[in-house]
Amino acid sequence: MDRSLVKVAVLCGGDSPEREVSLRSGQGVHAALKRRGFSAALIEIDSYDGLPQRLSPFPVVFNILHGGAGEDGTVQLLLELLGKSYVGSGPLACALAMDKHATHQLLSAKGLPVPDWLTYPGEGLESFLARAAELGFPLVIKPRDQGSSVGLFLVHDRGELASRAQEVLEKFGSLLIEKYIAGRELTCALLEGDSGVEALPLVELRPKRGALFDWGAKYSPGACEFICPAELPAGEAARAAEVSKQAFMALGCRDFARADLRLAPDGTPFVLEVNTLPGLTELSTFPRAAAAADIPYDGLVSRLVDRALARLPIPDPTG
């Protein structure tokens, strides 16, 4: 198929806390597609009003909205209803992956390691926090349904637990508390091809301030050291990659995703979450992992669009 004959919309922006990251991802994707000869247009949005009309000229959409309706299955369902071929996972996989409680439930049922966790609501906040404290400090607090480590905190005692929990609830309306896994922070980029799901070289994340790979560590230049490939024994690396691939398949992901893990001292890779629309900015870990696998940024982007192109309906020659 002649790439220049198919119009591709690069959809970015949105209204989630990850808007600025999405804009940077979108700009990078758009520039790469233009360099590769695609007929691509950058569609920056700040609301979803009129989106069907804006997308009407484009049979293919590279959705790189991060968080909110752009990543929780809502936009994916809209694209399905509009008959668009698009990059990335479908509505159900996106909805499951965005909901960290649902992800933990599903992966745990599949026998994949996840941290012990509790999700609020379901009972009074005071009794919930008392149960959470029984998991043992330190604990990780986060919203149930945000990405990019938005609203992520590490707490060390009951007072900090109560104040941070209230803060996250007031700002995001949901709350998930996990047992902190001591060890190493890893991420595994997953890329689907004709022969199945490939785990790209693991990336180890070493924040220079604090114990967590939070928003500041992710998007502040120089705030984190990225080691790719991660310096791990072959067996531990293989197990982390295999668990990540199984998480991808369990959730029903498509095209690409990224699994975030904590590697415990005993070598167990605990899955923290799976991102169905991982960042593609200049600081993002997915392009770093692809580069380590000899897949340049432009090649990664065009490969993903080629998969969406392959899903376009074949014209009926009889008319």
C-alpha atoms as a PDB file:
ATOM      1  CA  MET A   1       0.000   0.000   0.000  1.00  0.00           C
ATOM      2  CA  ASP A   2       1.273   3.459  -0.932  1.00  0.00           C
ATOM      3  CA  ARG A   3       1.662   5.207   2.426  1.00  0.00           C
ATOM      4  CA  SER A   4       1.248   8.644   0.862  1.00  0.00           C
ATOM      5  CA  LEU A   5      -2.281   7.784  -0.294  1.00  0.00           C
ATOM      6  CA  VAL A   6      -3.722   7.056   3.176  1.00  0.00           C
ATOM      7  CA  LYS A   7      -4.413   9.958   5.527  1.00  0.00           C
ATOM      8  CA  VAL A   8      -3.291   9.337   9.100  1.00  0.00           C
ATOM      9  CA  ALA A   9      -4.459  11.488  12.006  1.00  0.00           C
ATOM     10  CA  VAL A  10      -2.070  11.786  14.960  1.00  0.00           C
ATOM     11  CA  LEU A  11      -4.428  12.469  17.866  1.00  0.00           C
ATOM     12  CA  CYS A  12      -2.883  14.106  20.934  1.00  0.00           C
ATOM     13  CA  GLY A  13      -3.505  16.565  23.762  1.00  0.00           C
ATOM     14  CA  GLY A  14      -6.739  15.846  25.581  1.00  0.00           C
ATOM     15  CA  ASP A  15      -7.842  17.089  28.991  1.00  0.00           C
ATOM     16  CA  SER A  16      -6.104  14.685  31.397  1.00  0.00           C
ATOM     17  CA  PRO A  17      -3.199  15.617  33.696  1.00  0.00           C
ATOM     18  CA  GLU A  18      -0.947  14.011  31.058  1.00  0.00           C
ATOM     19  CA  ARG A  19      -1.898  16.498  28.342  1.00  0.00           C
ATOM     20  CA  GLU A  20       1.549  18.071  27.941  1.00  0.00           C
ATOM     21  CA  VAL A  21       3.230  14.684  27.649  1.00  0.00           C
ATOM     22  CA  SER A  22       0.682  13.649  25.022  1.00  0.00           C
ATOM     23  CA  LEU A  23       1.395  16.791  22.998  1.00  0.00           C
ATOM     24  CA  ARG A  24       5.106  15.989  22.994  1.00  0.00           C
ATOM     25  CA  SER A  25       4.433  12.377  22.021  1.00  0.00           C
ATOM     26  CA  GLY A  26       2.120  13.542  19.231  1.00  0.00           C
ATOM     27  CA  GLN A  27       4.618  15.990  17.827  1.00  0.00           C
ATOM     28  CA  GLY A  28       7.310  13.303  17.759  1.00  0.00           C
ATOM     29  CA  VAL A  29       5.027  10.745  16.089  1.00  0.00           C
ATOM     30  CA  HIS A  30       3.800  13.241  13.501  1.00  0.00           C
ATOM     31  CA  ALA A  31       7.313  14.317  12.550  1.00  0.00           C
ATOM     32  CA  ALA A  32       8.402  10.677  12.221  1.00  0.00           C
ATOM     33  CA  LEU A  33       5.471   9.807   9.966  1.00  0.00           C
ATOM     34  CA  LYS A  34       6.179  12.775   7.716  1.00  0.00           C
ATOM     35  CA  ARG A  35       9.806  11.705   7.429  1.00  0.00           C
ATOM     36  CA  ARG A  36       8.638   8.208   6.461  1.00  0.00           C
ATOM     37  CA  GLY A  37       6.404   9.475   3.677  1.00  0.00           C
ATOM     38  CA  PHE A  38       2.997   9.178   5.306  1.00  0.00           C
ATOM     39  CA  SER A  39       0.226  11.695   4.662  1.00  0.00           C
ATOM     40  CA  ALA A  40      -0.102  12.620   8.336  1.00  0.00           C
ATOM     41  CA  ALA A  41      -1.881  15.461  10.136  1.00  0.00           C
ATOM     42  CA  LEU A  42      -1.425  16.487  13.768  1.00  0.00           C
ATOM     43  CA  ILE A  43      -4.791  16.762  15.531  1.00  0.00           C
ATOM     44  CA  GLU A  44      -4.332  18.518  18.863  1.00  0.00           C
ATOM     45  CA  ILE A  45      -7.451  18.598  21.037  1.00  0.00           C
ATOM     46  CA  ASP A  46      -8.323  20.096  24.409  1.00  0.00           C
ATOM     47  CA  SER A  47     -11.827  18.612  24.552  1.00  0.00           C
ATOM     48  CA  TYR A  48     -13.696  15.819  22.819  1.00  0.00           C
ATOM     49  CA  ASP A  49     -16.417  18.045  21.375  1.00  0.00           C
ATOM     50  CA  GLY A  50     -16.571  17.660  17.614  1.00  0.00           C
ATOM     51  CA  LEU A  51     -13.952  14.919  17.522  1.00  0.00           C
ATOM     52  CA  PRO A  52     -15.872  12.694  15.056  1.00  0.00           C
ATOM     53  CA  GLN A  53     -16.055  15.590  12.605  1.00  0.00           C
ATOM     54  CA  ARG A  54     -12.346  16.381  12.959  1.00  0.00           C
ATOM     55  CA  LEU A  55     -11.428  12.760  12.322  1.00  0.00           C
ATOM     56  CA  SER A  56     -13.824  12.198   9.424  1.00  0.00           C
ATOM     57  CA  PRO A  57     -11.202  12.661   6.634  1.00  0.00           C
ATOM     58  CA  PHE A  58      -8.842  10.081   8.180  1.00  0.00           C
ATOM     59  CA  PRO A  59      -9.276   6.316   7.786  1.00  0.00           C
ATOM     60  CA  VAL A  60      -6.323   5.664  10.160  1.00  0.00           C
ATOM     61  CA  VAL A  61      -5.701   7.232  13.583  1.00  0.00           C
ATOM     62  CA  PHE A  62      -2.531   7.129  15.660  1.00  0.00           C
ATOM     63  CA  ASN A  63      -4.072   7.883  19.046  1.00  0.00           C
ATOM     64  CA  ILE A  64      -1.356   9.032  21.433  1.00  0.00           C
ATOM     65  CA  LEU A  65      -3.620  10.606  24.054  1.00  0.00           C
ATOM     66  CA  HIS A  66      -2.315   9.692  27.516  1.00  0.00           C
ATOM     67  CA  GLY A  67      -4.657   9.132  30.436  1.00  0.00           C
ATOM     68  CA  GLY A  68      -8.332   9.919  30.858  1.00  0.00           C
ATOM     69  CA  ALA A  69     -10.803   9.222  28.060  1.00  0.00           C
ATOM     70  CA  GLY A  70      -7.962   8.914  25.567  1.00  0.00           C
ATOM     71  CA  GLU A  71      -6.544   5.808  27.221  1.00  0.00           C
ATOM     72  CA  ASP A  72      -9.358   4.256  29.249  1.00  0.00           C
ATOM     73  CA  GLY A  73     -11.225   2.759  26.276  1.00  0.00           C
ATOM     74  CA  THR A  74     -13.588   5.679  25.618  1.00  0.00           C
ATOM     75  CA  VAL A  75     -11.804   7.083  22.562  1.00  0.00           C
ATOM     76  CA  GLN A  76     -11.026   3.559  21.386  1.00  0.00           C
ATOM     77  CA  LEU A  77     -14.737   2.729  21.451  1.00  0.00           C
ATOM     78  CA  LEU A  78     -15.495   5.930  19.558  1.00  0.00           C
ATOM     79  CA  LEU A  79     -12.946   4.998  16.891  1.00  0.00           C
ATOM     80  CA  GLU A  80     -14.535   1.559  16.601  1.00  0.00           C
ATOM     81  CA  LEU A  81     -17.970   3.124  16.126  1.00  0.00           C
ATOM     82  CA  LEU A  82     -16.576   5.509  13.524  1.00  0.00           C
ATOM     83  CA  GLY A  83     -15.064   2.592  11.618  1.00  0.00           C
ATOM     84  CA  LYS A  84     -11.510   3.898  11.974  1.00  0.00           C
ATOM     85  CA  SER A  85      -8.441   1.701  11.968  1.00  0.00           C
ATOM     86  CA  TYR A  86      -6.204   2.830  14.812  1.00  0.00           C
ATOM     87  CA  VAL A  87      -2.921   2.089  16.539  1.00  0.00           C
ATOM     88  CA  GLY A  88      -3.053   0.393  19.895  1.00  0.00           C
ATOM     89  CA  SER A  89      -5.265  -1.761  22.071  1.00  0.00           C
ATOM     90  CA  GLY A  90      -9.029  -1.999  21.869  1.00  0.00           C
ATOM     91  CA  PRO A  91     -11.607  -0.602  24.295  1.00  0.00           C
ATOM     92  CA  LEU A  92     -11.733  -3.514  26.752  1.00  0.00           C
ATOM     93  CA  ALA A  93      -7.957  -3.907  27.119  1.00  0.00           C
ATOM     94  CA  CYS A  94      -7.578  -0.156  27.614  1.00  0.00           C
ATOM     95  CA  ALA A  95     -10.333  -0.052  30.234  1.00  0.00           C
ATOM     96  CA  LEU A  96      -8.832  -2.977  32.151  1.00  0.00           C
ATOM     97  CA  ALA A  97      -5.286  -1.619  32.029  1.00  0.00           C
ATOM     98  CA  MET A  98      -6.269   1.889  33.114  1.00  0.00           C
ATOM     99  CA  ASP A  99      -8.070   0.466  36.165  1.00  0.00           C
ATOM    100  CA  LYS A 100      -5.191  -0.689  38.376  1.00  0.00           C
ATOM    101  CA  HIS A 101      -7.542  -2.649  40.637  1.00  0.00           C
ATOM    102  CA  ALA A 102      -8.980  -4.571  37.664  1.00  0.00           C
ATOM    103  CA  THR A 103      -5.453  -5.169  36.352  1.00  0.00           C
ATOM    104  CA  HIS A 104      -4.270  -6.551  39.674  1.00  0.00           C
ATOM    105  CA  GLN A 105      -7.330  -8.790  39.957  1.00  0.00           C
ATOM    106  CA  LEU A 106      -6.906 -10.219  36.472  1.00  0.00           C
ATOM    107  CA  LEU A 107      -3.151 -10.746  36.642  1.00  0.00           C
ATOM    108  CA  SER A 108      -3.360 -12.234  40.125  1.00  0.00           C
ATOM    109  CA  ALA A 109      -6.007 -14.698  38.905  1.00  0.00           C
ATOM    110  CA  LYS A 110      -3.598 -15.678  36.103  1.00  0.00           C
ATOM    111  CA  GLY A 111      -0.889 -16.434  38.656  1.00  0.00           C
ATOM    112  CA  LEU A 112       1.241 -13.413  37.780  1.00  0.00           C
ATOM    113  CA  PRO A 113       2.948 -11.618  40.692  1.00  0.00           C
ATOM    114  CA  VAL A 114       1.417  -8.300  41.758  1.00  0.00           C
ATOM    115  CA  PRO A 115       1.913  -6.400  45.046  1.00  0.00           C
ATOM    116  CA  ASP A 116      -0.594  -6.932  47.849  1.00  0.00           C
ATOM    117  CA  TRP A 117      -3.140  -4.143  47.470  1.00  0.00           C
ATOM    118  CA  LEU A 118      -6.375  -2.605  48.733  1.00  0.00           C
ATOM    119  CA  THR A 119      -8.796  -0.356  46.839  1.00  0.00           C
ATOM    120  CA  TYR A 120     -11.098   2.310  48.260  1.00  0.00           C
ATOM    121  CA  PRO A 121     -14.111   2.787  48.462  1.00  0.00           C
ATOM    122  CA  GLY A 122     -16.019  -0.156  49.816  1.00  0.00           C
ATOM    123  CA  GLU A 123     -15.973   0.792  53.504  1.00  0.00           C
ATOM    124  CA  GLY A 124     -15.354   3.795  55.717  1.00  0.00           C
ATOM    125  CA  LEU A 125     -12.055   5.550  55.087  1.00  0.00           C
ATOM    126  CA  GLU A 126     -10.801   5.148  58.649  1.00  0.00           C
ATOM    127  CA  SER A 127     -11.300   1.380  58.728  1.00  0.00           C
ATOM    128  CA  PHE A 128      -9.885   1.099  55.204  1.00  0.00           C
ATOM    129  CA  LEU A 129      -6.685   2.899  56.204  1.00  0.00           C
ATOM    130  CA  ALA A 130      -6.400   0.706  59.303  1.00  0.00           C
ATOM    131  CA  ARG A 131      -6.510  -2.383  57.068  1.00  0.00           C
ATOM    132  CA  ALA A 132      -4.011  -0.796  54.688  1.00  0.00           C
ATOM    133  CA  ALA A 133      -1.581  -0.207  57.552  1.00  0.00           C
ATOM    134  CA  GLU A 134      -1.692  -3.940  58.270  1.00  0.00           C
ATOM    135  CA  LEU A 135       0.020  -4.535  54.908  1.00  0.00           C
ATOM    136  CA  GLY A 136       3.117  -3.055  56.535  1.00  0.00           C
ATOM    137  CA  PHE A 137       4.974   0.167  55.832  1.00  0.00           C
ATOM    138  CA  PRO A 138       6.193   1.593  53.575  1.00  0.00           C
ATOM    139  CA  LEU A 139       3.136   1.722  51.338  1.00  0.00           C
ATOM    140  CA  VAL A 140       2.515   3.165  47.891  1.00  0.00           C
ATOM    141  CA  ILE A 141      -0.546   5.377  47.407  1.00  0.00           C
ATOM    142  CA  LYS A 142      -1.893   6.185  43.954  1.00  0.00           C
ATOM    143  CA  PRO A 143      -5.174   6.899  42.166  1.00  0.00           C
ATOM    144  CA  ARG A 144      -6.922   3.841  40.814  1.00  0.00           C
ATOM    145  CA  ASP A 145      -7.168   5.155  37.262  1.00  0.00           C
ATOM    146  CA  GLN A 146      -4.364   7.573  36.373  1.00  0.00           C
ATOM    147  CA  GLY A 147      -1.160   7.097  34.386  1.00  0.00           C
ATOM    148  CA  SER A 148       2.354   8.582  34.269  1.00  0.00           C
ATOM    149  CA  SER A 149       2.670   8.153  38.048  1.00  0.00           C
ATOM    150  CA  VAL A 150       0.220  11.020  38.608  1.00  0.00           C
ATOM    151  CA  GLY A 151      -0.663  11.256  42.309  1.00  0.00           C
ATOM    152  CA  LEU A 152       1.921   8.643  43.340  1.00  0.00           C
ATOM    153  CA  PHE A 153       3.294   8.740  46.897  1.00  0.00           C
ATOM    154  CA  LEU A 154       5.412   6.561  49.179  1.00  0.00           C
ATOM    155  CA  VAL A 155       4.317   6.754  52.821  1.00  0.00           C
ATOM    156  CA  HIS A 156       6.109   5.503  55.920  1.00  0.00           C
ATOM    157  CA  ASP A 157       3.674   5.831  58.823  1.00  0.00           C
ATOM    158  CA  ARG A 158      -0.017   6.142  59.708  1.00  0.00           C
ATOM    159  CA  GLY A 159      -0.018   9.938  59.784  1.00  0.00           C
ATOM    160  CA  GLU A 160       1.484  10.216  56.326  1.00  0.00           C
ATOM    161  CA  LEU A 161      -0.863   7.489  55.103  1.00  0.00           C
ATOM    162  CA  ALA A 162      -3.949   9.407  56.236  1.00  0.00           C
ATOM    163  CA  SER A 163      -2.868  12.789  54.820  1.00  0.00           C
ATOM    164  CA  ARG A 164      -1.757  11.444  51.439  1.00  0.00           C
ATOM    165  CA  ALA A 165      -4.824   9.243  51.095  1.00  0.00           C
ATOM    166  CA  GLN A 166      -7.081  12.224  51.695  1.00  0.00           C
ATOM    167  CA  GLU A 167      -5.078  14.282  49.197  1.00  0.00           C
ATOM    168  CA  VAL A 168      -5.354  11.661  46.443  1.00  0.00           C
ATOM    169  CA  LEU A 169      -9.061  11.115  47.101  1.00  0.00           C
ATOM    170  CA  GLU A 170      -9.857  14.819  46.961  1.00  0.00           C
ATOM    171  CA  LYS A 171      -7.922  15.341  43.742  1.00  0.00           C
ATOM    172  CA  PHE A 172      -8.718  12.162  41.815  1.00  0.00           C
ATOM    173  CA  GLY A 173     -11.756  10.570  43.488  1.00  0.00           C
ATOM    174  CA  SER A 174     -10.190   7.113  43.727  1.00  0.00           C
ATOM    175  CA  LEU A 175      -7.500   5.431  45.790  1.00  0.00           C
ATOM    176  CA  LEU A 176      -5.366   2.302  45.595  1.00  0.00           C
ATOM    177  CA  ILE A 177      -2.791   1.327  48.233  1.00  0.00           C
ATOM    178  CA  GLU A 178      -0.054  -1.218  47.570  1.00  0.00           C
ATOM    179  CA  LYS A 179       2.613  -2.883  49.637  1.00  0.00           C
ATOM    180  CA  TYR A 180       5.914  -1.296  48.587  1.00  0.00           C
ATOM    181  CA  ILE A 181       8.219  -3.790  46.894  1.00  0.00           C
ATOM    182  CA  ALA A 182      11.818  -3.104  47.818  1.00  0.00           C
ATOM    183  CA  GLY A 183      14.190  -3.722  44.959  1.00  0.00           C
ATOM    184  CA  ARG A 184      14.733  -2.385  41.450  1.00  0.00           C
ATOM    185  CA  GLU A 185      12.399  -0.444  39.178  1.00  0.00           C
ATOM    186  CA  LEU A 186      12.072  -1.914  35.687  1.00  0.00           C
ATOM    187  CA  THR A 187       9.975  -1.316  32.629  1.00  0.00           C
ATOM    188  CA  CYS A 188       9.426  -3.675  29.724  1.00  0.00           C
ATOM    189  CA  ALA A 189       8.385  -2.367  26.305  1.00  0.00           C
ATOM    190  CA  LEU A 190       6.235  -4.861  24.419  1.00  0.00           C
ATOM    191  CA  LEU A 191       5.863  -4.783  20.654  1.00  0.00           C
ATOM    192  CA  GLU A 192       3.491  -7.027  18.736  1.00  0.00           C
ATOM    193  CA  GLY A 193       4.402  -8.353  15.311  1.00  0.00           C
ATOM    194  CA  ASP A 194       3.274 -11.043  12.909  1.00  0.00           C
ATOM    195  CA  SER A 195       5.040 -13.707  14.981  1.00  0.00           C
ATOM    196  CA  GLY A 196       3.602 -12.594  18.330  1.00  0.00           C
ATOM    197  CA  VAL A 197       4.591 -10.314  21.195  1.00  0.00           C
ATOM    198  CA  GLU A 198       8.238  -9.332  21.549  1.00  0.00           C
ATOM    199  CA  ALA A 199       9.707  -8.054  24.807  1.00  0.00           C
ATOM    200  CA  LEU A 200      12.257  -5.355  23.993  1.00  0.00           C
ATOM    201  CA  PRO A 201      15.353  -4.944  26.184  1.00  0.00           C
ATOM    202  CA  LEU A 202      14.434  -4.127  29.776  1.00  0.00           C
ATOM    203  CA  VAL A 203      15.061  -0.631  31.106  1.00  0.00           C
ATOM    204  CA  GLU A 204      16.093  -0.061  34.719  1.00  0.00           C
ATOM    205  CA  LEU A 205      15.046   3.262  36.229  1.00  0.00           C
ATOM    206  CA  ARG A 206      17.140   4.845  38.953  1.00  0.00           C
ATOM    207  CA  PRO A 207      15.578   8.098  40.200  1.00  0.00           C
ATOM    208  CA  LYS A 208      18.164  10.490  41.585  1.00  0.00           C
ATOM    209  CA  ARG A 209      15.779  11.771  44.263  1.00  0.00           C
ATOM    210  CA  GLY A 210      13.394   9.522  46.130  1.00  0.00           C
ATOM    211  CA  ALA A 211      12.637   5.825  45.821  1.00  0.00           C
ATOM    212  CA  LEU A 212       9.881   5.990  43.206  1.00  0.00           C
ATOM    213  CA  PHE A 213       9.855   6.671  39.475  1.00  0.00           C
ATOM    214  CA  ASP A 214       7.286   9.458  39.863  1.00  0.00           C
ATOM    215  CA  TRP A 215       6.161  12.267  37.549  1.00  0.00           C
ATOM    216  CA  GLY A 216       9.220  14.386  38.252  1.00  0.00           C
ATOM    217  CA  ALA A 217      11.623  11.517  37.608  1.00  0.00           C
ATOM    218  CA  LYS A 218       9.850  10.661  34.370  1.00  0.00           C
ATOM    219  CA  TYR A 219       9.701  14.063  32.756  1.00  0.00           C
ATOM    220  CA  SER A 220      12.416  16.234  34.307  1.00  0.00           C
ATOM    221  CA  PRO A 221      15.644  16.022  32.292  1.00  0.00           C
ATOM    222  CA  GLY A 222      18.445  14.604  34.423  1.00  0.00           C
ATOM    223  CA  ALA A 223      16.143  13.474  37.250  1.00  0.00           C
ATOM    224  CA  CYS A 224      16.538   9.782  36.522  1.00  0.00           C
ATOM    225  CA  GLU A 225      19.231   7.452  35.263  1.00  0.00           C
ATOM    226  CA  PHE A 226      18.056   5.032  32.567  1.00  0.00           C
ATOM    227  CA  ILE A 227      20.031   1.799  32.104  1.00  0.00           C
ATOM    228  CA  CYS A 228      19.148  -0.055  28.922  1.00  0.00           C
ATOM    229  CA  PRO A 229      19.538  -2.937  28.652  1.00  0.00           C
ATOM    230  CA  ALA A 230      19.097  -3.386  32.409  1.00  0.00           C
ATOM    231  CA  GLU A 231      22.094  -5.013  34.046  1.00  0.00           C
ATOM    232  CA  LEU A 232      20.475  -8.209  35.317  1.00  0.00           C
ATOM    233  CA  PRO A 233      21.357 -11.890  35.464  1.00  0.00           C
ATOM    234  CA  ALA A 234      20.030 -13.611  32.340  1.00  0.00           C
ATOM    235  CA  GLY A 235      17.491 -15.661  34.287  1.00  0.00           C
ATOM    236  CA  GLU A 236      15.995 -12.650  36.069  1.00  0.00           C
ATOM    237  CA  ALA A 237      15.786 -10.658  32.844  1.00  0.00           C
ATOM    238  CA  ALA A 238      14.112 -13.549  31.042  1.00  0.00           C
ATOM    239  CA  ARG A 239      11.555 -14.001  33.815  1.00  0.00           C
ATOM    240  CA  ALA A 240      10.711 -10.275  33.914  1.00  0.00           C
ATOM    241  CA  ALA A 241      10.270 -10.265  30.129  1.00  0.00           C
ATOM    242  CA  GLU A 242       8.088 -13.372  30.202  1.00  0.00           C
ATOM    243  CA  VAL A 243       5.845 -12.036  32.995  1.00  0.00           C
ATOM    244  CA  SER A 244       5.452  -8.787  31.034  1.00  0.00           C
ATOM    245  CA  LYS A 245       4.463 -10.669  27.878  1.00  0.00           C
ATOM    246  CA  GLN A 246       1.943 -12.731  29.834  1.00  0.00           C
ATOM    247  CA  ALA A 247       0.442  -9.540  31.306  1.00  0.00           C
ATOM    248  CA  PHE A 248       0.133  -8.063  27.787  1.00  0.00           C
ATOM    249  CA  MET A 249      -1.712 -11.154  26.575  1.00  0.00           C
ATOM    250  CA  ALA A 250      -3.866 -11.535  29.698  1.00  0.00           C
ATOM    251  CA  LEU A 251      -5.216  -8.008  29.274  1.00  0.00           C
ATOM    252  CA  GLY A 252      -5.748  -8.515  25.541  1.00  0.00           C
ATOM    253  CA  CYS A 253      -3.414  -5.705  24.477  1.00  0.00           C
ATOM    254  CA  ARG A 254      -2.586  -5.026  20.840  1.00  0.00           C
ATOM    255  CA  ASP A 255       0.307  -3.482  18.879  1.00  0.00           C
ATOM    256  CA  PHE A 256       2.333  -2.092  21.778  1.00  0.00           C
ATOM    257  CA  ALA A 257       2.256  -1.557  25.523  1.00  0.00           C
ATOM    258  CA  ARG A 258       4.638  -1.162  28.435  1.00  0.00           C
ATOM    259  CA  ALA A 259       4.688  -3.144  31.662  1.00  0.00           C
ATOM    260  CA  ASP A 260       6.074  -1.445  34.774  1.00  0.00           C
ATOM    261  CA  LEU A 261       7.618  -3.754  37.362  1.00  0.00           C
ATOM    262  CA  ARG A 262       9.437  -3.917  40.676  1.00  0.00           C
ATOM    263  CA  LEU A 263      12.106  -6.609  40.835  1.00  0.00           C
ATOM    264  CA  ALA A 264      12.247  -7.934  44.406  1.00  0.00           C
ATOM    265  CA  PRO A 265      15.570  -9.010  45.949  1.00  0.00           C
ATOM    266  CA  ASP A 266      14.599 -12.677  45.429  1.00  0.00           C
ATOM    267  CA  GLY A 267      14.220 -12.051  41.678  1.00  0.00           C
ATOM    268  CA  THR A 268      10.406 -11.957  41.571  1.00  0.00           C
ATOM    269  CA  PRO A 269       9.155  -9.417  38.996  1.00  0.00           C
ATOM    270  CA  PHE A 270       5.992  -7.804  40.423  1.00  0.00           C
ATOM    271  CA  VAL A 271       3.762  -6.142  37.809  1.00  0.00           C
ATOM    272  CA  LEU A 272       2.668  -2.683  38.933  1.00  0.00           C
ATOM    273  CA  GLU A 273       0.656  -1.745  35.849  1.00  0.00           C
ATOM    274  CA  VAL A 274       0.428  -2.062  32.079  1.00  0.00           C
ATOM    275  CA  ASN A 275       0.289   1.070  29.940  1.00  0.00           C
ATOM    276  CA  THR A 276      -1.610   0.627  26.671  1.00  0.00           C
ATOM    277  CA  LEU A 277      -0.472   3.988  25.266  1.00  0.00           C
ATOM    278  CA  PRO A 278       3.109   4.397  26.485  1.00  0.00           C
ATOM    279  CA  GLY A 279       4.794   7.749  26.009  1.00  0.00           C
ATOM    280  CA  LEU A 280       6.755   8.368  22.826  1.00  0.00           C
ATOM    281  CA  THR A 281       8.545  11.552  23.867  1.00  0.00           C
ATOM    282  CA  GLU A 282      12.268  12.162  23.726  1.00  0.00           C
ATOM    283  CA  LEU A 283      12.538  11.081  27.392  1.00  0.00           C
ATOM    284  CA  SER A 284      10.184   8.090  27.219  1.00  0.00           C
ATOM    285  CA  THR A 285      11.409   4.597  27.991  1.00  0.00           C
ATOM    286  CA  PHE A 286       9.691   2.852  25.069  1.00  0.00           C
ATOM    287  CA  PRO A 287      11.826   4.515  22.358  1.00  0.00           C
ATOM    288  CA  ARG A 288      14.937   3.821  24.482  1.00  0.00           C
ATOM    289  CA  ALA A 289      14.105   0.116  24.596  1.00  0.00           C
ATOM    290  CA  ALA A 290      13.354   0.077  20.860  1.00  0.00           C
ATOM    291  CA  ALA A 291      16.694   1.734  20.107  1.00  0.00           C
ATOM    292  CA  ALA A 292      18.454  -0.947  22.161  1.00  0.00           C
ATOM    293  CA  ALA A 293      16.739  -3.512  19.915  1.00  0.00           C
ATOM    294  CA  ASP A 294      18.029  -1.657  16.813  1.00  0.00           C
ATOM    295  CA  ILE A 295      14.600  -0.199  16.051  1.00  0.00           C
ATOM    296  CA  PRO A 296      14.997   3.554  15.426  1.00  0.00           C
ATOM    297  CA  TYR A 297      12.240   5.945  16.499  1.00  0.00           C
ATOM    298  CA  ASP A 298      10.955   6.534  12.967  1.00  0.00           C
ATOM    299  CA  GLY A 299      10.961   2.799  12.292  1.00  0.00           C
ATOM    300  CA  LEU A 300       9.014   2.118  15.492  1.00  0.00           C
ATOM    301  CA  VAL A 301       6.343   4.678  14.618  1.00  0.00           C
ATOM    302  CA  SER A 302       5.966   3.528  11.013  1.00  0.00           C
ATOM    303  CA  ARG A 303       5.802  -0.117  12.118  1.00  0.00           C
ATOM    304  CA  LEU A 304       2.889   0.699  14.417  1.00  0.00           C
ATOM    305  CA  VAL A 305       1.014   2.572  11.696  1.00  0.00           C
ATOM    306  CA  ASP A 306       1.649  -0.241   9.233  1.00  0.00           C
ATOM    307  CA  ARG A 307      -0.174  -2.575  11.626  1.00  0.00           C
ATOM    308  CA  ALA A 308      -3.175  -0.241  11.646  1.00  0.00           C
ATOM    309  CA  LEU A 309      -3.025   0.021   7.853  1.00  0.00           C
ATOM    310  CA  ALA A 310      -3.134  -3.770   7.624  1.00  0.00           C
ATOM    311  CA  ARG A 311      -6.452  -3.719   9.493  1.00  0.00           C
ATOM    312  CA  LEU A 312      -8.132  -1.468   6.927  1.00  0.00           C
ATOM    313  CA  PRO A 313     -10.965  -3.207   5.070  1.00  0.00           C
ATOM    314  CA  ILE A 314      -9.931  -4.607   1.711  1.00  0.00           C
ATOM    315  CA  PRO A 315     -11.921  -2.835  -1.028  1.00  0.00           C
ATOM    316  CA  ASP A 316     -14.400  -5.035  -2.877  1.00  0.00           C
ATOM    317  CA  PRO A 317     -13.134  -5.193  -6.489  1.00  0.00           C
ATOM    318  CA  THR A 318     -16.665  -5.842  -7.750  1.00  0.00           C
ATOM    319  CA  GLY A 319     -17.815  -2.525  -6.281  1.00  0.00           C
END
